[in-house]
Amino acid sequence: MYYQIFKRFAWEGISLYEVISTTNEFTVLVEDHVVDKAFSAIKRLH
């Protein structure tokens, strides 16, 4: 799952600020100006 998200972000040119992963949760921190772009990239995953 992580691979698909990271690959999509790379294709979109979205830099990750930090990644936090726990047993039940996955959090990706990005800069403010790319938040909408990151959400759109995630929503396009199948």
C-alpha atoms as a PDB file:
ATOM      1  CA  MET A   1       0.000   0.000   0.000  1.00  0.00           C
ATOM      2  CA  TYR A   2       2.747   2.454   0.909  1.00  0.00           C
ATOM      3  CA  TYR A   3       4.465   1.877  -2.424  1.00  0.00           C
ATOM      4  CA  GLN A   4       1.386   2.936  -4.383  1.00  0.00           C
ATOM      5  CA  ILE A   5       1.019   6.155  -2.377  1.00  0.00           C
ATOM      6  CA  PHE A   6       4.712   7.064  -2.524  1.00  0.00           C
ATOM      7  CA  LYS A   7       4.856   6.291  -6.249  1.00  0.00           C
ATOM      8  CA  ARG A   8       1.838   8.516  -6.928  1.00  0.00           C
ATOM      9  CA  PHE A   9       3.340  11.356  -4.887  1.00  0.00           C
ATOM     10  CA  ALA A  10       6.621  11.027  -6.797  1.00  0.00           C
ATOM     11  CA  TRP A  11       4.818  11.138 -10.163  1.00  0.00           C
ATOM     12  CA  GLU A  12       2.909  14.227  -9.023  1.00  0.00           C
ATOM     13  CA  GLY A  13       6.080  15.904  -7.738  1.00  0.00           C
ATOM     14  CA  ILE A  14       4.806  16.002  -4.149  1.00  0.00           C
ATOM     15  CA  SER A  15       7.564  16.094  -1.542  1.00  0.00           C
ATOM     16  CA  LEU A  16       6.880  14.419   1.767  1.00  0.00           C
ATOM     17  CA  TYR A  17       7.784  16.331   4.907  1.00  0.00           C
ATOM     18  CA  GLU A  18       7.302  13.386   7.269  1.00  0.00           C
ATOM     19  CA  VAL A  19       5.673   9.946   7.330  1.00  0.00           C
ATOM     20  CA  ILE A  20       4.228   8.490  10.536  1.00  0.00           C
ATOM     21  CA  SER A  21       3.020   4.902  10.578  1.00  0.00           C
ATOM     22  CA  THR A  22       1.447   2.975  13.440  1.00  0.00           C
ATOM     23  CA  THR A  23      -0.506  -0.247  13.596  1.00  0.00           C
ATOM     24  CA  ASN A  24      -3.858   1.451  12.907  1.00  0.00           C
ATOM     25  CA  GLU A  25      -2.914   4.696  11.218  1.00  0.00           C
ATOM     26  CA  PHE A  26      -0.792   6.147   8.425  1.00  0.00           C
ATOM     27  CA  THR A  27      -0.044   9.886   8.383  1.00  0.00           C
ATOM     28  CA  VAL A  28       1.764  11.811   5.663  1.00  0.00           C
ATOM     29  CA  LEU A  29       2.817  15.395   6.290  1.00  0.00           C
ATOM     30  CA  VAL A  30       3.281  17.699   3.309  1.00  0.00           C
ATOM     31  CA  GLU A  31       3.813  21.422   2.861  1.00  0.00           C
ATOM     32  CA  ASP A  32       0.676  23.609   3.016  1.00  0.00           C
ATOM     33  CA  HIS A  33       0.771  24.546  -0.656  1.00  0.00           C
ATOM     34  CA  VAL A  34       0.541  20.904  -1.835  1.00  0.00           C
ATOM     35  CA  VAL A  35      -2.158  19.593   0.535  1.00  0.00           C
ATOM     36  CA  ASP A  36      -4.933  19.739  -2.086  1.00  0.00           C
ATOM     37  CA  LYS A  37      -2.683  18.136  -4.692  1.00  0.00           C
ATOM     38  CA  ALA A  38      -1.785  15.333  -2.235  1.00  0.00           C
ATOM     39  CA  PHE A  39      -5.448  14.652  -1.396  1.00  0.00           C
ATOM     40  CA  SER A  40      -6.296  14.521  -5.092  1.00  0.00           C
ATOM     41  CA  ALA A  41      -3.455  12.078  -5.746  1.00  0.00           C
ATOM     42  CA  ILE A  42      -4.642   9.784  -2.946  1.00  0.00           C
ATOM     43  CA  LYS A  43      -8.256   9.914  -4.126  1.00  0.00           C
ATOM     44  CA  ARG A  44      -7.158   8.749  -7.600  1.00  0.00           C
ATOM     45  CA  LEU A  45      -5.609   5.552  -6.215  1.00  0.00           C
ATOM     46  CA  HIS A  46      -7.540   2.386  -7.009  1.00  0.00           C
END
